[in-house]
């Protein structure tokens, strides 16, 4: 028989992208494509992707390997096509949550945020101790 969510707690540590990270360049994150260059199979690109790749402002050469196997080769030292997705942490501390319920929901709406990781760990340990004590009594 499943346990009702009102008797459960969920412990989590989060560092949301929106508040704990910043955009970063390929160079800052040691992006392999930036460091080593990369290639894209030209024949696998649809017309819009081919236009975007060849008109992105990045330098490239075309490499013809065989019939139907052509590549766009981008040398190292320039931003990759995923450069806008690179992120770095800003050093902000993580958020230590204790919520009522589980993945099914939080029926009582309870939530605590610990200001220090050691408080979160202590809360977690106390909760486990309470569970063990309850199991021993049963």
Foldseek 3Di string as FASTA:
>chain_A
DDDDLQPAKDKDKAQDCVHFKDQDFCVVVVPVCQAAWDKDFLLPDDPVVNCCVVPVPFDWDWDDDDVSTIMTTGGHRDGDPCSRVHMDTPPDGIWIKMAGGDPVDRVVGDMDTDPDVVVSVVVVVVVVVVVVVVVVVD
